[in-house]
Amino acid sequence: MRQLEQIEAVKKQLLNKMLSKEAFERLGRVRSVNPELASQAELYLLQIYQSGKLKDTVSDQQMKEILRLLSEKRDFKIMKK
């Protein structure tokens, strides 16, 4: 269990460094309402950070857009031929 806590602490540090204060607070609010969406956003942010594609701090507006894109429902229709 200790290792999991360490991973969470490192993840929180990285996110705090990558996000503006407002974006970090928004992610925290989303986590309290929709933990799954917050986890998806964290994973996405960490992936782009690791790949070197994140050049600047993520603003609150960018965080809103990321959350909007991740929360869009994708409807799949199965069609019979």
N, C-alpha and C. Protein backbone atom coordinates (compact mmCIF):
# COMPACT_ATOMS: atom_id res chain seq x y z
N MET A 1 0.83 -1.20 0.00
CA MET A 1 0.00 0.00 0.00
C MET A 1 0.87 1.26 0.00
N ARG A 2 2.02 1.18 0.62
CA ARG A 2 2.93 2.32 0.71
C ARG A 2 3.36 2.78 -0.68
N GLN A 3 3.63 1.83 -1.56
CA GLN A 3 4.07 2.16 -2.91
C GLN A 3 3.00 2.93 -3.68
N LEU A 4 1.75 2.56 -3.49
CA LEU A 4 0.63 3.24 -4.13
C LEU A 4 0.56 4.71 -3.69
N GLU A 5 0.78 4.93 -2.40
CA GLU A 5 0.77 6.29 -1.87
C GLU A 5 1.89 7.13 -2.48
N GLN A 6 3.07 6.50 -2.67
CA GLN A 6 4.20 7.21 -3.27
C GLN A 6 3.90 7.58 -4.71
N ILE A 7 3.28 6.66 -5.45
CA ILE A 7 2.93 6.92 -6.85
C ILE A 7 1.94 8.08 -6.92
N GLU A 8 0.94 8.07 -6.05
CA GLU A 8 -0.05 9.15 -6.03
C GLU A 8 0.61 10.49 -5.71
N ALA A 9 1.57 10.48 -4.77
CA ALA A 9 2.26 11.72 -4.39
C ALA A 9 3.07 12.27 -5.57
N VAL A 10 3.76 11.40 -6.29
CA VAL A 10 4.56 11.82 -7.45
C VAL A 10 3.63 12.35 -8.54
N LYS A 11 2.51 11.65 -8.76
CA LYS A 11 1.53 12.08 -9.77
C LYS A 11 0.99 13.47 -9.43
N LYS A 12 0.67 13.68 -8.15
CA LYS A 12 0.14 14.98 -7.71
C LYS A 12 1.18 16.08 -7.92
N GLN A 13 2.45 15.79 -7.62
CA GLN A 13 3.53 16.77 -7.82
C GLN A 13 3.65 17.15 -9.29
N LEU A 14 3.64 16.14 -10.15
CA LEU A 14 3.76 16.40 -11.59
C LEU A 14 2.59 17.23 -12.09
N LEU A 15 1.39 16.86 -11.69
CA LEU A 15 0.20 17.60 -12.14
C LEU A 15 0.24 19.04 -11.63
N ASN A 16 0.71 19.22 -10.41
CA ASN A 16 0.80 20.56 -9.85
C ASN A 16 1.79 21.42 -10.65
N LYS A 17 2.83 20.77 -11.15
CA LYS A 17 3.83 21.47 -11.96
C LYS A 17 3.31 21.76 -13.38
N MET A 18 2.50 20.86 -13.93
CA MET A 18 2.03 20.97 -15.30
C MET A 18 0.83 21.90 -15.46
N LEU A 19 0.03 22.04 -14.41
CA LEU A 19 -1.23 22.77 -14.51
C LEU A 19 -1.14 24.14 -13.84
N SER A 20 -1.89 25.09 -14.38
CA SER A 20 -2.03 26.38 -13.69
C SER A 20 -2.78 26.12 -12.39
N LYS A 21 -2.73 27.08 -11.49
CA LYS A 21 -3.43 26.93 -10.20
C LYS A 21 -4.92 26.68 -10.42
N GLU A 22 -5.52 27.42 -11.35
CA GLU A 22 -6.95 27.29 -11.62
C GLU A 22 -7.27 25.92 -12.22
N ALA A 23 -6.43 25.45 -13.14
CA ALA A 23 -6.66 24.14 -13.78
C ALA A 23 -6.52 23.02 -12.75
N PHE A 24 -5.53 23.14 -11.85
CA PHE A 24 -5.33 22.13 -10.81
C PHE A 24 -6.55 22.09 -9.88
N GLU A 25 -7.06 23.26 -9.52
CA GLU A 25 -8.25 23.32 -8.66
C GLU A 25 -9.47 22.74 -9.38
N ARG A 26 -9.60 23.02 -10.68
CA ARG A 26 -10.72 22.49 -11.45
C ARG A 26 -10.66 20.96 -11.46
N LEU A 27 -9.47 20.42 -11.68
CA LEU A 27 -9.31 18.96 -11.70
C LEU A 27 -9.70 18.37 -10.35
N GLY A 28 -9.36 19.06 -9.27
CA GLY A 28 -9.74 18.60 -7.93
C GLY A 28 -11.24 18.59 -7.74
N ARG A 29 -11.91 19.63 -8.24
CA ARG A 29 -13.38 19.68 -8.14
C ARG A 29 -14.02 18.57 -8.97
N VAL A 30 -13.48 18.35 -10.16
CA VAL A 30 -14.01 17.28 -11.02
C VAL A 30 -13.82 15.93 -10.34
N ARG A 31 -12.66 15.74 -9.69
CA ARG A 31 -12.37 14.48 -9.01
C ARG A 31 -13.42 14.18 -7.94
N SER A 32 -13.90 15.21 -7.25
CA SER A 32 -14.88 14.97 -6.19
C SER A 32 -16.25 14.59 -6.75
N VAL A 33 -16.54 15.04 -7.97
CA VAL A 33 -17.84 14.77 -8.59
C VAL A 33 -17.79 13.56 -9.51
N ASN A 34 -16.71 13.45 -10.27
CA ASN A 34 -16.58 12.39 -11.28
C ASN A 34 -15.14 11.86 -11.28
N PRO A 35 -14.82 10.95 -10.33
CA PRO A 35 -13.45 10.45 -10.21
C PRO A 35 -12.92 9.77 -11.48
N GLU A 36 -13.80 9.12 -12.22
CA GLU A 36 -13.37 8.43 -13.43
C GLU A 36 -12.89 9.43 -14.49
N LEU A 37 -13.63 10.51 -14.67
CA LEU A 37 -13.25 11.54 -15.63
C LEU A 37 -11.93 12.20 -15.21
N ALA A 38 -11.78 12.47 -13.92
CA ALA A 38 -10.55 13.07 -13.41
C ALA A 38 -9.36 12.14 -13.67
N SER A 39 -9.55 10.84 -13.47
CA SER A 39 -8.47 9.88 -13.72
C SER A 39 -8.09 9.84 -15.19
N GLN A 40 -9.10 9.90 -16.07
CA GLN A 40 -8.83 9.93 -17.50
C GLN A 40 -8.04 11.17 -17.88
N ALA A 41 -8.41 12.31 -17.31
CA ALA A 41 -7.72 13.57 -17.60
C ALA A 41 -6.28 13.51 -17.10
N GLU A 42 -6.09 12.97 -15.89
CA GLU A 42 -4.73 12.84 -15.34
C GLU A 42 -3.87 11.96 -16.22
N LEU A 43 -4.42 10.83 -16.64
CA LEU A 43 -3.68 9.92 -17.49
C LEU A 43 -3.30 10.58 -18.81
N TYR A 44 -4.24 11.28 -19.41
CA TYR A 44 -3.98 12.00 -20.66
C TYR A 44 -2.87 13.03 -20.47
N LEU A 45 -2.97 13.82 -19.42
CA LEU A 45 -1.98 14.87 -19.16
C LEU A 45 -0.59 14.27 -18.92
N LEU A 46 -0.54 13.19 -18.15
CA LEU A 46 0.76 12.55 -17.87
C LEU A 46 1.36 11.96 -19.15
N GLN A 47 0.51 11.43 -20.03
CA GLN A 47 1.00 10.88 -21.29
C GLN A 47 1.59 11.96 -22.19
N ILE A 48 0.92 13.09 -22.32
CA ILE A 48 1.46 14.14 -23.19
C ILE A 48 2.70 14.77 -22.55
N TYR A 49 2.75 14.79 -21.23
CA TYR A 49 3.94 15.30 -20.54
C TYR A 49 5.13 14.38 -20.81
N GLN A 50 4.91 13.07 -20.67
CA GLN A 50 5.98 12.09 -20.89
C GLN A 50 6.47 12.10 -22.32
N SER A 51 5.57 12.32 -23.27
CA SER A 51 5.95 12.30 -24.68
C SER A 51 6.65 13.59 -25.10
N GLY A 52 6.68 14.57 -24.20
CA GLY A 52 7.36 15.83 -24.50
C GLY A 52 6.51 16.81 -25.29
N LYS A 53 5.23 16.54 -25.42
CA LYS A 53 4.35 17.40 -26.21
C LYS A 53 3.81 18.58 -25.40
N LEU A 54 4.00 18.54 -24.09
CA LEU A 54 3.49 19.61 -23.24
C LEU A 54 4.59 20.66 -23.10
N LYS A 55 4.39 21.79 -23.74
CA LYS A 55 5.41 22.84 -23.75
C LYS A 55 5.19 23.88 -22.66
N ASP A 56 3.94 24.23 -22.41
CA ASP A 56 3.61 25.26 -21.42
C ASP A 56 2.72 24.69 -20.34
N THR A 57 2.48 25.48 -19.32
CA THR A 57 1.54 25.11 -18.27
C THR A 57 0.14 25.05 -18.86
N VAL A 58 -0.63 24.04 -18.47
CA VAL A 58 -2.00 23.88 -18.96
C VAL A 58 -2.88 24.90 -18.23
N SER A 59 -3.56 25.74 -19.01
CA SER A 59 -4.43 26.77 -18.44
C SER A 59 -5.79 26.17 -18.06
N ASP A 60 -6.56 26.96 -17.34
CA ASP A 60 -7.90 26.53 -16.96
C ASP A 60 -8.76 26.30 -18.20
N GLN A 61 -8.62 27.17 -19.20
CA GLN A 61 -9.39 27.02 -20.44
C GLN A 61 -9.02 25.72 -21.16
N GLN A 62 -7.73 25.40 -21.19
CA GLN A 62 -7.30 24.14 -21.82
C GLN A 62 -7.82 22.95 -21.04
N MET A 63 -7.83 23.06 -19.71
CA MET A 63 -8.34 21.97 -18.87
C MET A 63 -9.82 21.76 -19.14
N LYS A 64 -10.58 22.85 -19.29
CA LYS A 64 -12.00 22.72 -19.62
C LYS A 64 -12.18 21.96 -20.92
N GLU A 65 -11.36 22.29 -21.91
CA GLU A 65 -11.46 21.63 -23.22
C GLU A 65 -11.11 20.15 -23.12
N ILE A 66 -10.07 19.82 -22.38
CA ILE A 66 -9.67 18.42 -22.19
C ILE A 66 -10.82 17.65 -21.53
N LEU A 67 -11.39 18.22 -20.48
CA LEU A 67 -12.49 17.56 -19.77
C LEU A 67 -13.71 17.40 -20.67
N ARG A 68 -13.98 18.42 -21.48
CA ARG A 68 -15.13 18.35 -22.39
C ARG A 68 -14.93 17.21 -23.39
N LEU A 69 -13.74 17.14 -23.96
CA LEU A 69 -13.47 16.10 -24.96
C LEU A 69 -13.53 14.70 -24.34
N LEU A 70 -13.01 14.56 -23.14
CA LEU A 70 -13.00 13.25 -22.50
C LEU A 70 -14.40 12.83 -22.04
N SER A 71 -15.26 13.81 -21.77
CA SER A 71 -16.58 13.46 -21.24
C SER A 71 -17.63 13.27 -22.33
N GLU A 72 -17.28 13.61 -23.57
CA GLU A 72 -18.25 13.42 -24.65
C GLU A 72 -18.60 11.95 -24.76
N LYS A 73 -19.85 11.70 -24.88
CA LYS A 73 -20.31 10.32 -25.03
C LYS A 73 -20.12 9.90 -26.48
N ARG A 74 -19.58 8.73 -26.64
CA ARG A 74 -19.41 8.21 -27.99
C ARG A 74 -20.44 7.10 -28.17
N ASP A 75 -21.39 7.37 -29.02
CA ASP A 75 -22.44 6.39 -29.28
C ASP A 75 -22.04 5.51 -30.45
N PHE A 76 -22.10 4.22 -30.20
CA PHE A 76 -21.80 3.28 -31.26
C PHE A 76 -23.10 2.60 -31.66
N LYS A 77 -23.33 2.56 -32.93
CA LYS A 77 -24.55 1.91 -33.41
C LYS A 77 -24.15 0.64 -34.15
N ILE A 78 -24.78 -0.42 -33.79
CA ILE A 78 -24.54 -1.69 -34.47
C ILE A 78 -25.63 -1.84 -35.51
N MET A 79 -25.21 -1.93 -36.73
CA MET A 79 -26.17 -2.01 -37.83
C MET A 79 -26.14 -3.43 -38.40
N LYS A 80 -27.32 -3.94 -38.66
CA LYS A 80 -27.42 -5.28 -39.28
C LYS A 80 -27.45 -5.11 -40.78
N LYS A 81 -26.79 -6.02 -41.45
CA LYS A 81 -26.77 -5.96 -42.91
C LYS A 81 -27.80 -6.90 -43.49
